[in-house]
PDB file of N, CA and C in Angstrom:
ATOM      1  N   MET A   1      30.828  -4.374   2.740  1.00  0.00           N
ATOM      2  CA  MET A   1      29.998  -4.150   3.916  1.00  0.00           C
ATOM      3  C   MET A   1      28.529  -4.134   3.481  1.00  0.00           C
ATOM      4  N   HIS A   2      27.691  -4.873   4.197  1.00  0.00           N
ATOM      5  CA  HIS A   2      26.265  -4.940   3.885  1.00  0.00           C
ATOM      6  C   HIS A   2      25.529  -3.815   4.598  1.00  0.00           C
ATOM      7  N   SER A   3      24.585  -3.227   3.902  1.00  0.00           N
ATOM      8  CA  SER A   3      23.777  -2.197   4.548  1.00  0.00           C
ATOM      9  C   SER A   3      22.651  -2.882   5.318  1.00  0.00           C
ATOM     10  N   ILE A   4      22.350  -2.345   6.472  1.00  0.00           N
ATOM     11  CA  ILE A   4      21.289  -2.888   7.312  1.00  0.00           C
ATOM     12  C   ILE A   4      20.087  -1.958   7.209  1.00  0.00           C
ATOM     13  N   LYS A   5      18.966  -2.540   6.823  1.00  0.00           N
ATOM     14  CA  LYS A   5      17.746  -1.754   6.704  1.00  0.00           C
ATOM     15  C   LYS A   5      17.180  -1.551   8.101  1.00  0.00           C
ATOM     16  N   LEU A   6      17.108  -0.300   8.510  1.00  0.00           N
ATOM     17  CA  LEU A   6      16.647   0.008   9.853  1.00  0.00           C
ATOM     18  C   LEU A   6      15.129   0.030   9.971  1.00  0.00           C
ATOM     19  N   ARG A   7      14.458   0.454   8.908  1.00  0.00           N
ATOM     20  CA  ARG A   7      13.004   0.580   8.970  1.00  0.00           C
ATOM     21  C   ARG A   7      12.361  -0.195   7.831  1.00  0.00           C
ATOM     22  N   PRO A   8      11.425  -1.080   8.154  1.00  0.00           N
ATOM     23  CA  PRO A   8      10.712  -1.795   7.094  1.00  0.00           C
ATOM     24  C   PRO A   8       9.927  -0.814   6.237  1.00  0.00           C
ATOM     25  N   ARG A   9       9.798  -1.158   4.970  1.00  0.00           N
ATOM     26  CA  ARG A   9       9.076  -0.319   4.016  1.00  0.00           C
ATOM     27  C   ARG A   9       7.730  -0.957   3.705  1.00  0.00           C
ATOM     28  N   ILE A  10       6.662  -0.206   3.973  1.00  0.00           N
ATOM     29  CA  ILE A  10       5.311  -0.724   3.784  1.00  0.00           C
ATOM     30  C   ILE A  10       4.609   0.084   2.694  1.00  0.00           C
ATOM     31  N   LEU A  11       4.064  -0.643   1.729  1.00  0.00           N
ATOM     32  CA  LEU A  11       3.300  -0.031   0.647  1.00  0.00           C
ATOM     33  C   LEU A  11       1.823  -0.341   0.872  1.00  0.00           C
ATOM     34  N   PHE A  12       1.000   0.697   1.006  1.00  0.00           N
ATOM     35  CA  PHE A  12      -0.448   0.548   1.144  1.00  0.00           C
ATOM     36  C   PHE A  12      -1.069   0.706  -0.241  1.00  0.00           C
ATOM     37  N   VAL A  13      -1.955  -0.224  -0.606  1.00  0.00           N
ATOM     38  CA  VAL A  13      -2.539  -0.201  -1.947  1.00  0.00           C
ATOM     39  C   VAL A  13      -4.064  -0.318  -1.872  1.00  0.00           C
ATOM     40  N   CYS A  14      -4.728   0.567  -2.637  1.00  0.00           N
ATOM     41  CA  CYS A  14      -6.180   0.469  -2.810  1.00  0.00           C
ATOM     42  C   CYS A  14      -6.477   0.658  -4.294  1.00  0.00           C
ATOM     43  N   GLY A  15      -7.680   1.009  -4.635  1.00  0.00           N
ATOM     44  CA  GLY A  15      -8.064   1.129  -6.034  1.00  0.00           C
ATOM     45  C   GLY A  15      -7.530   2.383  -6.711  1.00  0.00           C
ATOM     46  N   ARG A  16      -8.026   3.538  -6.262  1.00  0.00           N
ATOM     47  CA  ARG A  16      -7.683   4.793  -6.940  1.00  0.00           C
ATOM     48  C   ARG A  16      -6.687   5.643  -6.166  1.00  0.00           C
ATOM     49  N   ASN A  17      -6.171   5.127  -5.034  1.00  0.00           N
ATOM     50  CA  ASN A  17      -5.224   5.888  -4.215  1.00  0.00           C
ATOM     51  C   ASN A  17      -5.818   7.245  -3.846  1.00  0.00           C
ATOM     52  N   LYS A  18      -7.079   7.195  -3.447  1.00  0.00           N
ATOM     53  CA  LYS A  18      -7.791   8.434  -3.157  1.00  0.00           C
ATOM     54  C   LYS A  18      -8.160   8.565  -1.680  1.00  0.00           C
ATOM     55  N   TRP A  19      -8.673   7.489  -1.072  1.00  0.00           N
ATOM     56  CA  TRP A  19      -9.150   7.578   0.312  1.00  0.00           C
ATOM     57  C   TRP A  19      -8.401   6.662   1.269  1.00  0.00           C
ATOM     58  N   ARG A  20      -8.456   5.347   1.024  1.00  0.00           N
ATOM     59  CA  ARG A  20      -7.951   4.394   2.013  1.00  0.00           C
ATOM     60  C   ARG A  20      -6.436   4.364   2.122  1.00  0.00           C
ATOM     61  N   SER A  21      -5.742   4.112   1.027  1.00  0.00           N
ATOM     62  CA  SER A  21      -4.281   4.010   1.132  1.00  0.00           C
ATOM     63  C   SER A  21      -3.622   5.347   1.481  1.00  0.00           C
ATOM     64  N   PRO A  22      -4.106   6.506   0.975  1.00  0.00           N
ATOM     65  CA  PRO A  22      -3.509   7.768   1.434  1.00  0.00           C
ATOM     66  C   PRO A  22      -3.757   8.031   2.928  1.00  0.00           C
ATOM     67  N   THR A  23      -4.911   7.575   3.439  1.00  0.00           N
ATOM     68  CA  THR A  23      -5.163   7.712   4.881  1.00  0.00           C
ATOM     69  C   THR A  23      -4.133   6.903   5.653  1.00  0.00           C
ATOM     70  N   ALA A  24      -3.895   5.665   5.245  1.00  0.00           N
ATOM     71  CA  ALA A  24      -2.903   4.826   5.926  1.00  0.00           C
ATOM     72  C   ALA A  24      -1.513   5.453   5.841  1.00  0.00           C
ATOM     73  N   GLU A  25      -1.168   5.960   4.668  1.00  0.00           N
ATOM     74  CA  GLU A  25       0.144   6.602   4.507  1.00  0.00           C
ATOM     75  C   GLU A  25       0.274   7.799   5.453  1.00  0.00           C
ATOM     76  N   ARG A  26      -0.762   8.602   5.521  1.00  0.00           N
ATOM     77  CA  ARG A  26      -0.709   9.781   6.396  1.00  0.00           C
ATOM     78  C   ARG A  26      -0.601   9.375   7.864  1.00  0.00           C
ATOM     79  N   LEU A  27      -1.332   8.346   8.263  1.00  0.00           N
ATOM     80  CA  LEU A  27      -1.302   7.904   9.658  1.00  0.00           C
ATOM     81  C   LEU A  27       0.094   7.472  10.096  1.00  0.00           C
ATOM     82  N   TYR A  28       0.826   6.826   9.190  1.00  0.00           N
ATOM     83  CA  TYR A  28       2.125   6.262   9.552  1.00  0.00           C
ATOM     84  C   TYR A  28       3.322   7.050   9.010  1.00  0.00           C
ATOM     85  N   HIS A  29       3.059   8.152   8.330  1.00  0.00           N
ATOM     86  CA  HIS A  29       4.120   8.941   7.722  1.00  0.00           C
ATOM     87  C   HIS A  29       5.176   9.397   8.736  1.00  0.00           C
ATOM     88  N   SER A  30       4.748   9.760   9.932  1.00  0.00           N
ATOM     89  CA  SER A  30       5.674  10.274  10.947  1.00  0.00           C
ATOM     90  C   SER A  30       6.161   9.201  11.914  1.00  0.00           C
ATOM     91  N   ASP A  31       5.808   7.952  11.665  1.00  0.00           N
ATOM     92  CA  ASP A  31       6.222   6.847  12.531  1.00  0.00           C
ATOM     93  C   ASP A  31       7.667   6.479  12.194  1.00  0.00           C
ATOM     94  N   ASP A  32       8.559   6.699  13.117  1.00  0.00           N
ATOM     95  CA  ASP A  32       9.990   6.463  12.875  1.00  0.00           C
ATOM     96  C   ASP A  32      10.348   4.990  12.730  1.00  0.00           C
ATOM     97  N   ARG A  33       9.417   4.089  13.040  1.00  0.00           N
ATOM     98  CA  ARG A  33       9.714   2.658  12.961  1.00  0.00           C
ATOM     99  C   ARG A  33       9.615   2.113  11.546  1.00  0.00           C
ATOM    100  N   ILE A  34       8.866   2.807  10.668  1.00  0.00           N
ATOM    101  CA  ILE A  34       8.621   2.300   9.317  1.00  0.00           C
ATOM    102  C   ILE A  34       8.703   3.424   8.286  1.00  0.00           C
ATOM    103  N   GLU A  35       8.868   3.035   7.027  1.00  0.00           N
ATOM    104  CA  GLU A  35       8.733   3.951   5.901  1.00  0.00           C
ATOM    105  C   GLU A  35       7.474   3.529   5.161  1.00  0.00           C
ATOM    106  N   VAL A  36       6.700   4.484   4.682  1.00  0.00           N
ATOM    107  CA  VAL A  36       5.439   4.154   4.032  1.00  0.00           C
ATOM    108  C   VAL A  36       5.266   4.901   2.710  1.00  0.00           C
ATOM    109  N   ARG A  37       4.502   4.262   1.828  1.00  0.00           N
ATOM    110  CA  ARG A  37       4.054   4.846   0.566  1.00  0.00           C
ATOM    111  C   ARG A  37       2.648   4.333   0.323  1.00  0.00           C
ATOM    112  N   SER A  38       1.935   5.001  -0.590  1.00  0.00           N
ATOM    113  CA  SER A  38       0.631   4.481  -1.000  1.00  0.00           C
ATOM    114  C   SER A  38       0.507   4.562  -2.507  1.00  0.00           C
ATOM    115  N   ALA A  39      -0.345   3.700  -3.043  1.00  0.00           N
ATOM    116  CA  ALA A  39      -0.566   3.639  -4.486  1.00  0.00           C
ATOM    117  C   ALA A  39      -1.917   2.997  -4.748  1.00  0.00           C
ATOM    118  N   GLY A  40      -2.347   3.095  -6.005  1.00  0.00           N
ATOM    119  CA  GLY A  40      -3.597   2.462  -6.426  1.00  0.00           C
ATOM    120  C   GLY A  40      -3.364   1.607  -7.649  1.00  0.00           C
ATOM    121  N   VAL A  41      -4.244   0.645  -7.879  1.00  0.00           N
ATOM    122  CA  VAL A  41      -4.099  -0.249  -9.026  1.00  0.00           C
ATOM    123  C   VAL A  41      -4.840   0.256 -10.262  1.00  0.00           C
ATOM    124  N   SER A  42      -5.757   1.182 -10.092  1.00  0.00           N
ATOM    125  CA  SER A  42      -6.553   1.689 -11.210  1.00  0.00           C
ATOM    126  C   SER A  42      -5.737   2.624 -12.104  1.00  0.00           C
ATOM    127  N   ALA A  43      -6.091   2.655 -13.368  1.00  0.00           N
ATOM    128  CA  ALA A  43      -5.467   3.606 -14.295  1.00  0.00           C
ATOM    129  C   ALA A  43      -5.802   5.040 -13.897  1.00  0.00           C
ATOM    130  N   GLN A  44      -6.886   5.224 -13.142  1.00  0.00           N
ATOM    131  CA  GLN A  44      -7.281   6.556 -12.683  1.00  0.00           C
ATOM    132  C   GLN A  44      -6.708   6.905 -11.309  1.00  0.00           C
ATOM    133  N   ALA A  45      -5.817   6.089 -10.787  1.00  0.00           N
ATOM    134  CA  ALA A  45      -5.242   6.326  -9.458  1.00  0.00           C
ATOM    135  C   ALA A  45      -4.418   7.607  -9.439  1.00  0.00           C
ATOM    136  N   ARG A  46      -4.443   8.281  -8.302  1.00  0.00           N
ATOM    137  CA  ARG A  46      -3.602   9.475  -8.128  1.00  0.00           C
ATOM    138  C   ARG A  46      -2.132   9.104  -8.324  1.00  0.00           C
ATOM    139  N   HIS A  47      -1.729   7.996  -7.735  1.00  0.00           N
ATOM    140  CA  HIS A  47      -0.398   7.422  -7.979  1.00  0.00           C
ATOM    141  C   HIS A  47      -0.618   5.943  -8.262  1.00  0.00           C
ATOM    142  N   GLN A  48      -0.406   5.549  -9.498  1.00  0.00           N
ATOM    143  CA  GLN A  48      -0.608   4.154  -9.869  1.00  0.00           C
ATOM    144  C   GLN A  48       0.600   3.336  -9.406  1.00  0.00           C
ATOM    145  N   VAL A  49       0.327   2.172  -8.830  1.00  0.00           N
ATOM    146  CA  VAL A  49       1.408   1.324  -8.338  1.00  0.00           C
ATOM    147  C   VAL A  49       2.375   1.010  -9.478  1.00  0.00           C
ATOM    148  N   SER A  50       3.654   1.107  -9.177  1.00  0.00           N
ATOM    149  CA  SER A  50       4.679   0.905 -10.194  1.00  0.00           C
ATOM    150  C   SER A  50       5.603  -0.236  -9.794  1.00  0.00           C
ATOM    151  N   GLN A  51       6.395  -0.666 -10.738  1.00  0.00           N
ATOM    152  CA  GLN A  51       7.404  -1.682 -10.445  1.00  0.00           C
ATOM    153  C   GLN A  51       8.338  -1.173  -9.349  1.00  0.00           C
ATOM    154  N   ALA A  52       8.697   0.096  -9.418  1.00  0.00           N
ATOM    155  CA  ALA A  52       9.588   0.675  -8.404  1.00  0.00           C
ATOM    156  C   ALA A  52       8.968   0.602  -7.010  1.00  0.00           C
ATOM    157  N   ASP A  53       7.656   0.846  -6.903  1.00  0.00           N
ATOM    158  CA  ASP A  53       6.976   0.750  -5.602  1.00  0.00           C
ATOM    159  C   ASP A  53       7.071  -0.670  -5.044  1.00  0.00           C
ATOM    160  N   ILE A  54       6.804  -1.634  -5.901  1.00  0.00           N
ATOM    161  CA  ILE A  54       6.820  -3.042  -5.477  1.00  0.00           C
ATOM    162  C   ILE A  54       8.223  -3.459  -5.060  1.00  0.00           C
ATOM    163  N   GLU A  55       9.217  -3.065  -5.836  1.00  0.00           N
ATOM    164  CA  GLU A  55      10.604  -3.416  -5.506  1.00  0.00           C
ATOM    165  C   GLU A  55      11.079  -2.702  -4.245  1.00  0.00           C
ATOM    166  N   TRP A  56      10.534  -1.534  -3.961  1.00  0.00           N
ATOM    167  CA  TRP A  56      10.887  -0.757  -2.765  1.00  0.00           C
ATOM    168  C   TRP A  56      10.352  -1.417  -1.495  1.00  0.00           C
ATOM    169  N   ALA A  57       9.177  -2.017  -1.588  1.00  0.00           N
ATOM    170  CA  ALA A  57       8.447  -2.494  -0.408  1.00  0.00           C
ATOM    171  C   ALA A  57       9.003  -3.780   0.194  1.00  0.00           C
ATOM    172  N   ASP A  58       8.946  -3.846   1.520  1.00  0.00           N
ATOM    173  CA  ASP A  58       9.227  -5.079   2.266  1.00  0.00           C
ATOM    174  C   ASP A  58       7.924  -5.816   2.560  1.00  0.00           C
ATOM    175  N   LEU A  59       6.830  -5.074   2.561  1.00  0.00           N
ATOM    176  CA  LEU A  59       5.495  -5.611   2.835  1.00  0.00           C
ATOM    177  C   LEU A  59       4.493  -4.760   2.068  1.00  0.00           C
ATOM    178  N   ILE A  60       3.531  -5.414   1.436  1.00  0.00           N
ATOM    179  CA  ILE A  60       2.455  -4.695   0.765  1.00  0.00           C
ATOM    180  C   ILE A  60       1.162  -5.018   1.493  1.00  0.00           C
ATOM    181  N   LEU A  61       0.470  -3.963   1.924  1.00  0.00           N
ATOM    182  CA  LEU A  61      -0.825  -4.118   2.577  1.00  0.00           C
ATOM    183  C   LEU A  61      -1.890  -3.589   1.631  1.00  0.00           C
ATOM    184  N   VAL A  62      -2.706  -4.499   1.107  1.00  0.00           N
ATOM    185  CA  VAL A  62      -3.789  -4.115   0.208  1.00  0.00           C
ATOM    186  C   VAL A  62      -5.065  -3.944   1.019  1.00  0.00           C
ATOM    187  N   MET A  63      -5.913  -3.053   0.556  1.00  0.00           N
ATOM    188  CA  MET A  63      -7.170  -2.810   1.267  1.00  0.00           C
ATOM    189  C   MET A  63      -8.179  -3.934   1.030  1.00  0.00           C
ATOM    190  N   GLU A  64      -8.094  -4.571  -0.154  1.00  0.00           N
ATOM    191  CA  GLU A  64      -8.952  -5.714  -0.486  1.00  0.00           C
ATOM    192  C   GLU A  64      -8.107  -6.712  -1.274  1.00  0.00           C
ATOM    193  N   ARG A  65      -8.407  -8.006  -1.128  1.00  0.00           N
ATOM    194  CA  ARG A  65      -7.624  -9.064  -1.788  1.00  0.00           C
ATOM    195  C   ARG A  65      -7.484  -8.872  -3.290  1.00  0.00           C
ATOM    196  N   LYS A  66      -8.540  -8.348  -3.929  1.00  0.00           N
ATOM    197  CA  LYS A  66      -8.523  -8.213  -5.384  1.00  0.00           C
ATOM    198  C   LYS A  66      -7.374  -7.341  -5.871  1.00  0.00           C
ATOM    199  N   TYR A  67      -6.893  -6.434  -5.046  1.00  0.00           N
ATOM    200  CA  TYR A  67      -5.793  -5.568  -5.475  1.00  0.00           C
ATOM    201  C   TYR A  67      -4.476  -6.329  -5.570  1.00  0.00           C
ATOM    202  N   ALA A  68      -4.296  -7.321  -4.733  1.00  0.00           N
ATOM    203  CA  ALA A  68      -3.094  -8.169  -4.827  1.00  0.00           C
ATOM    204  C   ALA A  68      -3.106  -8.912  -6.154  1.00  0.00           C
ATOM    205  N   SER A  69      -4.255  -9.460  -6.506  1.00  0.00           N
ATOM    206  CA  SER A  69      -4.377 -10.192  -7.776  1.00  0.00           C
ATOM    207  C   SER A  69      -4.113  -9.277  -8.963  1.00  0.00           C
ATOM    208  N   ARG A  70      -4.636  -8.069  -8.910  1.00  0.00           N
ATOM    209  CA  ARG A  70      -4.431  -7.125 -10.018  1.00  0.00           C
ATOM    210  C   ARG A  70      -2.960  -6.773 -10.176  1.00  0.00           C
ATOM    211  N   MET A  71      -2.285  -6.498  -9.067  1.00  0.00           N
ATOM    212  CA  MET A  71      -0.848  -6.177  -9.151  1.00  0.00           C
ATOM    213  C   MET A  71      -0.064  -7.344  -9.729  1.00  0.00           C
ATOM    214  N   GLN A  72      -0.357  -8.543  -9.256  1.00  0.00           N
ATOM    215  CA  GLN A  72       0.368  -9.721  -9.721  1.00  0.00           C
ATOM    216  C   GLN A  72       0.084 -10.012 -11.189  1.00  0.00           C
ATOM    217  N   ALA A  73      -1.099  -9.652 -11.674  1.00  0.00           N
ATOM    218  CA  ALA A  73      -1.417  -9.837 -13.091  1.00  0.00           C
ATOM    219  C   ALA A  73      -0.676  -8.820 -13.958  1.00  0.00           C
ATOM    220  N   ILE A  74      -0.538  -7.610 -13.457  1.00  0.00           N
ATOM    221  CA  ILE A  74       0.155  -6.555 -14.207  1.00  0.00           C
ATOM    222  C   ILE A  74       1.664  -6.806 -14.225  1.00  0.00           C
ATOM    223  N   TYR A  75       2.225  -7.171 -13.085  1.00  0.00           N
ATOM    224  CA  TYR A  75       3.670  -7.351 -12.949  1.00  0.00           C
ATOM    225  C   TYR A  75       3.997  -8.832 -12.747  1.00  0.00           C
ATOM    226  N   ARG A  76       3.694  -9.625 -13.748  1.00  0.00           N
ATOM    227  CA  ARG A  76       3.823 -11.089 -13.657  1.00  0.00           C
ATOM    228  C   ARG A  76       5.237 -11.574 -13.401  1.00  0.00           C
ATOM    229  N   THR A  77       6.230 -10.831 -13.857  1.00  0.00           N
ATOM    230  CA  THR A  77       7.610 -11.306 -13.747  1.00  0.00           C
ATOM    231  C   THR A  77       8.304 -10.857 -12.461  1.00  0.00           C
ATOM    232  N   LEU A  78       7.648 -10.018 -11.683  1.00  0.00           N
ATOM    233  CA  LEU A  78       8.277  -9.531 -10.452  1.00  0.00           C
ATOM    234  C   LEU A  78       8.162 -10.531  -9.315  1.00  0.00           C
ATOM    235  N   VAL A  79       9.147 -10.499  -8.445  1.00  0.00           N
ATOM    236  CA  VAL A  79       9.074 -11.246  -7.196  1.00  0.00           C
ATOM    237  C   VAL A  79       8.509 -10.264  -6.169  1.00  0.00           C
ATOM    238  N   PHE A  80       7.351 -10.598  -5.635  1.00  0.00           N
ATOM    239  CA  PHE A  80       6.667  -9.710  -4.700  1.00  0.00           C
ATOM    240  C   PHE A  80       7.108  -9.972  -3.273  1.00  0.00           C
ATOM    241  N   PRO A  81       7.143  -8.913  -2.452  1.00  0.00           N
ATOM    242  CA  PRO A  81       7.324  -9.124  -1.012  1.00  0.00           C
ATOM    243  C   PRO A  81       6.025  -9.720  -0.469  1.00  0.00           C
ATOM    244  N   PRO A  82       5.979 -10.079   0.804  1.00  0.00           N
ATOM    245  CA  PRO A  82       4.715 -10.576   1.366  1.00  0.00           C
ATOM    246  C   PRO A  82       3.590  -9.553   1.152  1.00  0.00           C
ATOM    247  N   ILE A  83       2.396 -10.081   0.882  1.00  0.00           N
ATOM    248  CA  ILE A  83       1.213  -9.242   0.690  1.00  0.00           C
ATOM    249  C   ILE A  83       0.149  -9.710   1.674  1.00  0.00           C
ATOM    250  N   ALA A  84      -0.450  -8.758   2.378  1.00  0.00           N
ATOM    251  CA  ALA A  84      -1.544  -9.076   3.296  1.00  0.00           C
ATOM    252  C   ALA A  84      -2.706  -8.146   2.983  1.00  0.00           C
ATOM    253  N   SER A  85      -3.917  -8.658   3.176  1.00  0.00           N
ATOM    254  CA  SER A  85      -5.110  -7.860   2.918  1.00  0.00           C
ATOM    255  C   SER A  85      -5.717  -7.379   4.231  1.00  0.00           C
ATOM    256  N   LEU A  86      -6.021  -6.092   4.283  1.00  0.00           N
ATOM    257  CA  LEU A  86      -6.666  -5.523   5.465  1.00  0.00           C
ATOM    258  C   LEU A  86      -8.184  -5.690   5.414  1.00  0.00           C
ATOM    259  N   GLU A  87      -8.720  -6.070   4.232  1.00  0.00           N
ATOM    260  CA  GLU A  87     -10.158  -6.285   4.044  1.00  0.00           C
ATOM    261  C   GLU A  87     -10.973  -5.077   4.503  1.00  0.00           C
ATOM    262  N   ILE A  88     -10.585  -3.913   3.993  1.00  0.00           N
ATOM    263  CA  ILE A  88     -11.309  -2.677   4.274  1.00  0.00           C
ATOM    264  C   ILE A  88     -12.033  -2.266   2.990  1.00  0.00           C
ATOM    265  N   PRO A  89     -13.367  -2.303   2.988  1.00  0.00           N
ATOM    266  CA  PRO A  89     -14.119  -1.961   1.778  1.00  0.00           C
ATOM    267  C   PRO A  89     -14.020  -0.472   1.453  1.00  0.00           C
ATOM    268  N   ASP A  90     -14.363  -0.143   0.232  1.00  0.00           N
ATOM    269  CA  ASP A  90     -14.292   1.236  -0.247  1.00  0.00           C
ATOM    270  C   ASP A  90     -15.537   2.010   0.191  1.00  0.00           C
ATOM    271  N   ASP A  91     -15.727   2.110   1.498  1.00  0.00           N
ATOM    272  CA  ASP A  91     -16.903   2.765   2.071  1.00  0.00           C
ATOM    273  C   ASP A  91     -16.551   4.031   2.855  1.00  0.00           C
ATOM    274  N   TYR A  92     -15.308   4.464   2.790  1.00  0.00           N
ATOM    275  CA  TYR A  92     -14.841   5.540   3.659  1.00  0.00           C
ATOM    276  C   TYR A  92     -14.159   6.640   2.864  1.00  0.00           C
ATOM    277  N   GLU A  93     -14.209   7.844   3.410  1.00  0.00           N
ATOM    278  CA  GLU A  93     -13.509   8.966   2.807  1.00  0.00           C
ATOM    279  C   GLU A  93     -12.173   9.159   3.521  1.00  0.00           C
ATOM    280  N   TYR A  94     -11.352  10.020   2.954  1.00  0.00           N
ATOM    281  CA  TYR A  94     -10.015  10.295   3.495  1.00  0.00           C
ATOM    282  C   TYR A  94     -10.101  10.725   4.956  1.00  0.00           C
ATOM    283  N   MET A  95      -9.324  10.077   5.797  1.00  0.00           N
ATOM    284  CA  MET A  95      -9.203  10.348   7.225  1.00  0.00           C
ATOM    285  C   MET A  95     -10.512  10.157   8.003  1.00  0.00           C
ATOM    286  N   ASP A  96     -11.424   9.346   7.489  1.00  0.00           N
ATOM    287  CA  ASP A  96     -12.657   9.000   8.178  1.00  0.00           C
ATOM    288  C   ASP A  96     -12.289   8.309   9.501  1.00  0.00           C
ATOM    289  N   GLU A  97     -12.952   8.667  10.581  1.00  0.00           N
ATOM    290  CA  GLU A  97     -12.610   8.114  11.902  1.00  0.00           C
ATOM    291  C   GLU A  97     -12.703   6.592  11.942  1.00  0.00           C
ATOM    292  N   GLU A  98     -13.741   6.041  11.339  1.00  0.00           N
ATOM    293  CA  GLU A  98     -13.908   4.589  11.335  1.00  0.00           C
ATOM    294  C   GLU A  98     -12.802   3.925  10.500  1.00  0.00           C
ATOM    295  N   LEU A  99     -12.425   4.543   9.396  1.00  0.00           N
ATOM    296  CA  LEU A  99     -11.326   4.039   8.571  1.00  0.00           C
ATOM    297  C   LEU A  99     -10.022   4.039   9.358  1.00  0.00           C
ATOM    298  N   ILE A 100      -9.773   5.105  10.063  1.00  0.00           N
ATOM    299  CA  ILE A 100      -8.552   5.209  10.880  1.00  0.00           C
ATOM    300  C   ILE A 100      -8.506   4.076  11.907  1.00  0.00           C
ATOM    301  N   GLU A 101      -9.633   3.803  12.551  1.00  0.00           N
ATOM    302  CA  GLU A 101      -9.685   2.714  13.538  1.00  0.00           C
ATOM    303  C   GLU A 101      -9.384   1.359  12.882  1.00  0.00           C
ATOM    304  N   MET A 102      -9.910   1.147  11.672  1.00  0.00           N
ATOM    305  CA  MET A 102      -9.704  -0.124  10.993  1.00  0.00           C
ATOM    306  C   MET A 102      -8.243  -0.314  10.574  1.00  0.00           C
ATOM    307  N   ILE A 103      -7.614   0.765  10.178  1.00  0.00           N
ATOM    308  CA  ILE A 103      -6.215   0.683   9.747  1.00  0.00           C
ATOM    309  C   ILE A 103      -5.337   0.455  10.963  1.00  0.00           C
TER     310      ILE A 103
END
């Protein structure tokens, strides 16, 4: 019997996992339609993106295109789910109203 995935899994990625991706995770954490996580590509990230995160995700939403390139350079042998860029610059703090609107 095949298991049916009821909720798509979305991974939000930014640089240090400090402002943008945690804001997105918090916004959608209680949304019953999806499962969410956040991570950062920097070595200084609160939660650095891992192979397990990438394999878990059905969709990866990066805050800037450069983060997709960085992940793909680090995990060259992985098959990635679709990746889309939200093109949100690192100009906002956690839960900033303008950031929330952009997400």
